[in-house]
Amino acid sequence: SGKPTPTCTVCPHLQTYVASVHGEIQSPYAVLPTPDLDGKPLAVREGEEALLVYQDAVFGQYRDRPEAKATIAETLRQYCQLDTLAMTVLWQHWLRP
C-alpha cells in the first residue's frame, strides 16, 4: 500500500542501495551497514571517513586487533563498492549523446 519501491534503472547494481523514507529516495550511502566497533557505530559515508578508519586499522588503535580490522575491512569494502558504482553511473551519464 503506498508508493511502490523505487527502482534504479540507470544501474541495476545500485538497486541494493535504493531506500525510500516517506516516499523520498534517500542517499545510497545512508543505506550502508553501520556495524558496532567498541560499542560505537562505524559509519563510513564519505571519503574522509574511509581514510581515517583505514588509518586507525593500519597505524592506530586497531592495528593489533584482527577482529576489529576485519570489521573495518568489510565496512570499507562496502563503501568502496558503492562509491565505484556511483562513479560508474556518472561516467555512463557523461557518455550519453
Protein backbone atom coordinates (compact mmCIF):
# COMPACT_ATOMS: atom_id res chain seq x y z
CA SER A 1 0.00 0.00 0.00
CA GLY A 2 1.56 3.41 -0.57
CA LYS A 3 4.20 4.13 -3.17
CA PRO A 4 6.00 1.27 -4.89
CA THR A 5 9.61 0.58 -4.01
CA PRO A 6 11.78 2.87 -6.13
CA THR A 7 13.97 1.17 -8.69
CA CYS A 8 17.28 2.15 -10.17
CA THR A 9 17.02 1.77 -13.94
CA VAL A 10 20.32 3.50 -14.73
CA CYS A 11 22.50 0.95 -12.96
CA PRO A 12 20.69 -2.15 -11.64
CA HIS A 13 23.64 -2.94 -9.33
CA LEU A 14 22.72 0.15 -7.31
CA GLN A 15 19.27 -1.30 -6.51
CA THR A 16 20.74 -2.82 -3.33
CA TYR A 17 21.34 0.73 -2.07
CA VAL A 18 17.98 2.28 -3.00
CA ALA A 19 15.85 3.16 0.01
CA SER A 20 12.78 5.29 0.44
CA VAL A 21 11.64 7.05 3.59
CA HIS A 22 8.17 8.64 3.47
CA GLY A 23 8.26 8.41 -0.33
CA GLU A 24 11.60 10.22 -0.67
CA ILE A 25 14.57 8.37 -2.12
CA GLN A 26 17.49 8.51 0.33
CA SER A 27 21.20 8.80 -0.33
CA PRO A 28 22.57 5.36 -1.18
CA TYR A 29 25.33 5.97 1.37
CA ALA A 30 22.69 6.15 4.14
CA VAL A 31 21.76 2.53 3.37
CA LEU A 32 25.26 1.18 4.02
CA PRO A 33 25.50 -1.05 7.09
CA THR A 34 26.77 0.52 10.31
CA PRO A 35 28.43 -2.17 12.43
CA ASP A 36 29.42 -1.59 16.04
CA LEU A 37 33.09 -1.28 16.88
CA ASP A 38 33.90 -0.99 20.58
CA GLY A 39 30.29 -0.08 21.28
CA LYS A 40 30.30 2.79 18.76
CA PRO A 41 28.74 2.82 15.30
CA LEU A 42 31.27 2.51 12.48
CA ALA A 43 29.66 4.65 9.79
CA VAL A 44 31.67 5.26 6.63
CA ARG A 45 29.67 7.57 4.35
CA GLU A 46 32.36 9.68 2.64
CA GLY A 47 35.98 9.52 1.56
CA GLU A 48 37.49 11.34 4.53
CA GLU A 49 35.80 8.93 6.97
CA ALA A 50 37.12 5.99 4.93
CA LEU A 51 40.64 7.39 5.06
CA LEU A 52 40.54 7.93 8.83
CA VAL A 53 39.11 4.47 9.53
CA TYR A 54 41.76 2.88 7.32
CA GLN A 55 44.45 4.84 9.16
CA ASP A 56 43.15 3.55 12.51
CA ALA A 57 43.20 -0.03 11.20
CA VAL A 58 46.72 0.12 9.84
CA PHE A 59 48.54 2.53 12.16
CA GLY A 60 46.18 3.34 15.03
CA GLN A 61 44.18 1.82 17.80
CA TYR A 62 43.01 -1.24 15.82
CA ARG A 63 46.34 -2.27 14.26
CA ASP A 64 46.79 -5.24 16.62
CA ARG A 65 43.13 -6.29 16.70
CA PRO A 66 42.31 -8.76 13.89
CA GLU A 67 38.56 -8.87 14.60
CA ALA A 68 38.27 -5.07 14.53
CA LYS A 69 40.38 -4.93 11.36
CA ALA A 70 38.07 -7.49 9.71
CA THR A 71 35.03 -5.35 10.57
CA ILE A 72 36.77 -2.26 9.22
CA ALA A 73 37.85 -4.07 6.05
CA GLU A 74 34.30 -5.21 5.32
CA THR A 75 32.89 -1.75 6.01
CA LEU A 76 35.46 -0.14 3.71
CA ARG A 77 34.80 -2.77 1.01
CA GLN A 78 31.09 -1.96 1.03
CA TYR A 79 31.73 1.79 0.96
CA CYS A 80 34.23 1.47 -1.90
CA GLN A 81 31.89 -0.79 -3.87
CA LEU A 82 29.11 1.79 -3.64
CA ASP A 83 31.46 4.67 -4.43
CA THR A 84 32.75 2.86 -7.52
CA LEU A 85 29.20 2.13 -8.67
CA ALA A 86 28.30 5.79 -8.21
CA MET A 87 31.26 6.82 -10.36
CA THR A 88 30.15 4.31 -12.99
CA VAL A 89 26.69 5.87 -13.10
CA LEU A 90 28.24 9.32 -13.59
CA TRP A 91 30.51 8.01 -16.33
CA GLN A 92 27.57 6.37 -18.11
CA HIS A 93 25.65 9.64 -17.89
CA TRP A 94 28.55 11.63 -19.39
CA LEU A 95 28.85 9.16 -22.28
CA ARG A 96 25.26 9.77 -23.38
CA PRO A 97 24.89 11.88 -26.53
